[in-house]
C-alpha atoms as a PDB file:
ATOM      1  CA  PHE A   1      10.195 -37.111 -49.307  1.00  0.00           C
ATOM      2  CA  GLU A   2       7.070 -38.334 -47.585  1.00  0.00           C
ATOM      3  CA  LYS A   3       5.126 -35.424 -48.427  1.00  0.00           C
ATOM      4  CA  TYR A   4       5.836 -34.505 -51.918  1.00  0.00           C
ATOM      5  CA  PRO A   5       7.116 -38.135 -53.529  1.00  0.00           C
ATOM      6  CA  PHE A   6       7.198 -35.911 -56.781  1.00  0.00           C
ATOM      7  CA  PRO A   7      10.536 -38.055 -59.081  1.00  0.00           C
ATOM      8  CA  VAL A   8      11.672 -34.290 -60.273  1.00  0.00           C
ATOM      9  CA  LEU A   9      12.190 -33.212 -56.508  1.00  0.00           C
ATOM     10  CA  ILE A  10      13.730 -36.662 -55.340  1.00  0.00           C
ATOM     11  CA  ASN A  11      16.192 -36.736 -57.755  1.00  0.00           C
ATOM     12  CA  THR A  12      16.865 -33.277 -57.099  1.00  0.00           C
ATOM     13  CA  ALA A  13      17.058 -33.854 -53.754  1.00  0.00           C
ATOM     14  CA  LEU A  14      19.633 -37.142 -53.370  1.00  0.00           C
ATOM     15  CA  LEU A  15      21.979 -35.416 -56.374  1.00  0.00           C
ATOM     16  CA  LYS A  16      22.577 -32.397 -53.980  1.00  0.00           C
ATOM     17  CA  LEU A  17      22.655 -34.790 -50.835  1.00  0.00           C
ATOM     18  CA  ALA A  18      25.649 -36.890 -52.917  1.00  0.00           C
ATOM     19  CA  GLU A  19      27.023 -33.785 -53.529  1.00  0.00           C
ATOM     20  CA  VAL A  20      27.130 -33.192 -50.142  1.00  0.00           C
ATOM     21  CA  PHE A  21      28.261 -37.003 -49.160  1.00  0.00           C
ATOM     22  CA  ARG A  22      30.979 -36.475 -51.402  1.00  0.00           C
ATOM     23  CA  GLN A  23      32.527 -33.084 -49.871  1.00  0.00           C
ATOM     24  CA  GLY A  24      31.058 -33.121 -46.333  1.00  0.00           C
ATOM     25  CA  SER A  25      32.397 -34.905 -43.030  1.00  0.00           C
ATOM     26  CA  ASN A  26      32.068 -38.208 -41.929  1.00  0.00           C
ATOM     27  CA  PHE A  27      29.279 -36.905 -40.231  1.00  0.00           C
ATOM     28  CA  LEU A  28      27.825 -35.490 -43.350  1.00  0.00           C
ATOM     29  CA  LYS A  29      28.371 -38.848 -45.175  1.00  0.00           C
ATOM     30  CA  LEU A  30      25.957 -40.579 -42.116  1.00  0.00           C
ATOM     31  CA  CYS A  31      23.730 -38.127 -42.001  1.00  0.00           C
ATOM     32  CA  VAL A  32      23.134 -38.499 -46.154  1.00  0.00           C
ATOM     33  CA  LEU A  33      23.121 -41.967 -45.731  1.00  0.00           C
ATOM     34  CA  ARG A  34      20.441 -41.861 -43.112  1.00  0.00           C
ATOM     35  CA  VAL A  35      18.660 -40.018 -45.513  1.00  0.00           C
ATOM     36  CA  CYS A  36      18.837 -42.965 -47.973  1.00  0.00           C
ATOM     37  CA  GLN A  37      17.757 -45.807 -45.442  1.00  0.00           C
ATOM     38  CA  GLU A  38      14.858 -43.509 -44.837  1.00  0.00           C
ATOM     39  CA  SER A  39      14.095 -42.961 -47.910  1.00  0.00           C
ATOM     40  CA  GLU A  40      14.202 -46.187 -49.554  1.00  0.00           C
ATOM     41  CA  ARG A  41      11.158 -46.855 -51.192  1.00  0.00           C
ATOM     42  CA  HIS A  42      11.188 -43.791 -52.868  1.00  0.00           C
ATOM     43  CA  LEU A  43      14.352 -44.850 -54.383  1.00  0.00           C
ATOM     44  CA  ASP A  44      12.541 -45.384 -58.318  1.00  0.00           C
ATOM     45  CA  LYS A  45      11.722 -42.528 -58.817  1.00  0.00           C
ATOM     46  CA  MET A  46      15.125 -41.440 -59.492  1.00  0.00           C
ATOM     47  CA  THR A  47      16.091 -40.854 -62.923  1.00  0.00           C
ATOM     48  CA  SER A  48      19.543 -39.363 -62.540  1.00  0.00           C
ATOM     49  CA  VAL A  49      21.043 -42.453 -61.236  1.00  0.00           C
ATOM     50  CA  ASP A  50      24.497 -42.586 -63.317  1.00  0.00           C
ATOM     51  CA  GLU A  51      25.382 -38.921 -62.095  1.00  0.00           C
ATOM     52  CA  LEU A  52      24.330 -40.132 -58.114  1.00  0.00           C
ATOM     53  CA  VAL A  53      26.656 -43.004 -59.089  1.00  0.00           C
ATOM     54  CA  ARG A  54      29.627 -40.314 -59.951  1.00  0.00           C
ATOM     55  CA  ARG A  55      29.107 -38.173 -57.310  1.00  0.00           C
ATOM     56  CA  ILE A  56      29.042 -41.722 -54.578  1.00  0.00           C
ATOM     57  CA  ILE A  57      31.536 -43.638 -55.736  1.00  0.00           C
ATOM     58  CA  THR A  58      34.383 -40.699 -56.212  1.00  0.00           C
ATOM     59  CA  VAL A  59      34.313 -41.546 -52.417  1.00  0.00           C
ATOM     60  CA  MET A  60      36.128 -44.792 -52.482  1.00  0.00           C
ATOM     61  CA  ASN A  61      39.493 -43.519 -54.032  1.00  0.00           C
ATOM     62  CA  SER A  62      39.580 -41.592 -51.036  1.00  0.00           C
ATOM     63  CA  ASN A  63      42.195 -42.644 -48.249  1.00  0.00           C
ATOM     64  CA  ASP A  64      40.641 -42.213 -45.173  1.00  0.00           C
ATOM     65  CA  PRO A  65      38.898 -45.824 -44.083  1.00  0.00           C
ATOM     66  CA  VAL A  66      35.548 -44.416 -42.272  1.00  0.00           C
ATOM     67  CA  ALA A  67      34.664 -42.612 -45.315  1.00  0.00           C
ATOM     68  CA  ARG A  68      34.995 -45.959 -47.733  1.00  0.00           C
ATOM     69  CA  ALA A  69      32.707 -47.591 -45.219  1.00  0.00           C
ATOM     70  CA  LEU A  70      30.025 -44.763 -45.412  1.00  0.00           C
ATOM     71  CA  THR A  71      30.149 -45.345 -48.656  1.00  0.00           C
ATOM     72  CA  LEU A  72      29.884 -48.999 -49.139  1.00  0.00           C
ATOM     73  CA  ARG A  73      26.905 -48.285 -46.510  1.00  0.00           C
ATOM     74  CA  THR A  74      25.987 -45.384 -48.517  1.00  0.00           C
ATOM     75  CA  LEU A  75      25.850 -48.098 -51.516  1.00  0.00           C
ATOM     76  CA  GLY A  76      23.975 -50.678 -49.774  1.00  0.00           C
ATOM     77  CA  ALA A  77      21.123 -48.371 -49.263  1.00  0.00           C
ATOM     78  CA  LEU A  78      20.341 -47.816 -52.522  1.00  0.00           C
ATOM     79  CA  ALA A  79      20.809 -51.313 -53.831  1.00  0.00           C
ATOM     80  CA  GLY A  80      17.870 -51.175 -55.881  1.00  0.00           C
ATOM     81  CA  ILE A  81      18.653 -48.871 -57.993  1.00  0.00           C
ATOM     82  CA  LEU A  82      22.097 -49.718 -58.412  1.00  0.00           C
ATOM     83  CA  HIS A  83      21.982 -53.657 -59.440  1.00  0.00           C
ATOM     84  CA  ASP A  84      22.879 -53.088 -62.856  1.00  0.00           C
ATOM     85  CA  LYS A  85      25.757 -51.373 -61.831  1.00  0.00           C
ATOM     86  CA  LYS A  86      29.142 -53.207 -62.562  1.00  0.00           C
ATOM     87  CA  GLN A  87      30.900 -50.419 -62.115  1.00  0.00           C
ATOM     88  CA  VAL A  88      29.906 -50.451 -58.384  1.00  0.00           C
ATOM     89  CA  HIS A  89      29.616 -54.068 -58.100  1.00  0.00           C
ATOM     90  CA  HIS A  90      33.611 -54.008 -58.682  1.00  0.00           C
ATOM     91  CA  LYS A  91      33.941 -51.344 -56.424  1.00  0.00           C
ATOM     92  CA  VAL A  92      32.494 -53.367 -53.659  1.00  0.00           C
ATOM     93  CA  ARG A  93      34.150 -56.537 -54.466  1.00  0.00           C
ATOM     94  CA  SER A  94      37.484 -54.784 -54.451  1.00  0.00           C
ATOM     95  CA  SER A  95      36.856 -53.147 -51.480  1.00  0.00           C
ATOM     96  CA  LEU A  96      35.960 -56.215 -48.948  1.00  0.00           C
ATOM     97  CA  ASP A  97      39.707 -57.083 -49.484  1.00  0.00           C
ATOM     98  CA  SER A  98      40.695 -53.878 -47.605  1.00  0.00           C
ATOM     99  CA  GLN A  99      42.687 -54.792 -43.962  1.00  0.00           C
ATOM    100  CA  ASP A 100      41.621 -51.379 -42.949  1.00  0.00           C
ATOM    101  CA  SER A 101      40.084 -52.123 -39.532  1.00  0.00           C
ATOM    102  CA  VAL A 102      36.937 -49.320 -38.793  1.00  0.00           C
END
């Protein structure tokens, strides 16, 4: 993103990463989390925020507590563009009540 910070490229790349996050292993989820954390200053160029949320938030329904924890951290890294999404707020608040140890 540093070399080519074009909105079309950022949008496409983040949507592909969200798809990898949704279908991939916990290691891949961690890698996507790190990319989101490192590209925080380019997130404002994201145009398909609803689609990004839809792809990532589905992992919150997983039975894997590690995957849900990685999803919470990823949503935290994307908080700059998710601040007005009520579905995200609801999922985060309900996840904080979890009794699973990670």
